């Protein structure tokens, strides 16, 4: 899936965002601030898997990224 800007992402100084990646069978859904951004069908991996969070500053600037209340949970 290509990198895509979202109008639901709050970008101002000091703004906070809620990000979720939901796995249900072979469906992966990405949610930003309660709004579904994308849903993909994929083959579930055997065994454990990884999820990554990527953040990028604008060209010629340096930002600080903080993650609070980071939670990984099994919803079964």
Protein backbone atom coordinates (compact mmCIF):
# COMPACT_ATOMS: atom_id res chain seq x y z
CA UNK A 1 0.00 0.00 0.00
CA UNK A 2 1.54 3.37 -0.95
CA UNK A 3 2.14 6.10 1.61
CA UNK A 4 -0.88 8.41 1.59
CA UNK A 5 -1.67 11.63 3.48
CA UNK A 6 -4.88 11.54 5.52
CA UNK A 7 -7.10 14.55 6.26
CA UNK A 8 -7.96 12.79 9.57
CA UNK A 9 -4.36 13.11 10.82
CA UNK A 10 -3.82 16.09 13.15
CA UNK A 11 -0.50 17.71 12.26
CA UNK A 12 -0.20 20.88 14.39
CA UNK A 13 2.39 21.35 17.13
CA UNK A 14 1.28 19.43 20.22
CA UNK A 15 -1.56 17.63 18.44
CA UNK A 16 -2.29 14.00 19.31
CA UNK A 17 -3.60 11.19 17.13
CA UNK A 18 -5.13 7.80 17.80
CA UNK A 19 -3.77 5.08 15.50
CA UNK A 20 -5.03 1.50 15.28
CA UNK A 21 -4.12 -1.51 13.17
CA UNK A 22 -6.77 -4.22 13.44
CA UNK A 23 -6.29 -7.80 12.35
CA UNK A 24 -9.34 -10.04 11.78
CA UNK A 25 -8.60 -13.28 9.95
CA UNK A 26 -7.09 -12.25 6.62
CA UNK A 27 -8.27 -8.61 6.87
CA UNK A 28 -6.04 -5.78 8.14
CA UNK A 29 -7.71 -2.41 8.81
CA UNK A 30 -5.90 0.87 9.52
CA UNK A 31 -7.78 3.48 11.61
CA UNK A 32 -6.71 7.09 12.35
CA UNK A 33 -8.66 9.08 14.93
CA UNK A 34 -11.63 6.72 14.60
CA UNK A 35 -11.79 6.94 10.80
CA UNK A 36 -11.04 3.82 8.72
CA UNK A 37 -8.25 4.67 6.27
CA UNK A 38 -7.67 1.38 4.49
CA UNK A 39 -8.64 -2.25 4.65
CA UNK A 40 -6.61 -4.95 2.95
CA UNK A 41 -6.96 -8.67 2.41
CA UNK A 42 -3.80 -10.66 2.94
CA UNK A 43 -2.64 -14.13 3.78
CA UNK A 44 -2.18 -14.47 7.53
CA UNK A 45 1.42 -15.36 8.42
CA UNK A 46 2.26 -18.55 10.23
CA UNK A 47 3.32 -17.83 13.79
CA UNK A 48 4.19 -14.39 15.18
CA UNK A 49 4.25 -11.22 13.09
CA UNK A 50 5.36 -7.58 13.48
CA UNK A 51 3.66 -4.21 13.14
CA UNK A 52 5.72 -1.04 12.58
CA UNK A 53 4.97 2.64 13.10
CA UNK A 54 6.73 5.10 10.78
CA UNK A 55 6.92 8.87 11.22
CA UNK A 56 8.73 11.39 9.00
CA UNK A 57 9.64 15.05 9.43
CA UNK A 58 9.33 17.59 6.65
CA UNK A 59 12.44 18.16 4.55
CA UNK A 60 15.04 20.36 6.34
CA UNK A 61 13.26 20.10 9.71
CA UNK A 62 13.53 17.90 12.76
CA UNK A 63 10.52 16.78 14.76
CA UNK A 64 10.19 14.83 18.00
CA UNK A 65 7.77 11.90 18.00
CA UNK A 66 6.36 10.63 21.27
CA UNK A 67 4.14 7.61 21.77
CA UNK A 68 1.90 7.49 24.84
CA UNK A 69 -0.50 4.78 25.93
CA UNK A 70 0.95 2.40 23.32
CA UNK A 71 -0.96 -0.84 23.64
CA UNK A 72 -0.93 -4.18 21.88
CA UNK A 73 -3.95 -6.28 22.76
CA UNK A 74 -5.61 -9.51 21.77
CA UNK A 75 -9.30 -8.80 21.17
CA UNK A 76 -10.43 -12.43 21.20
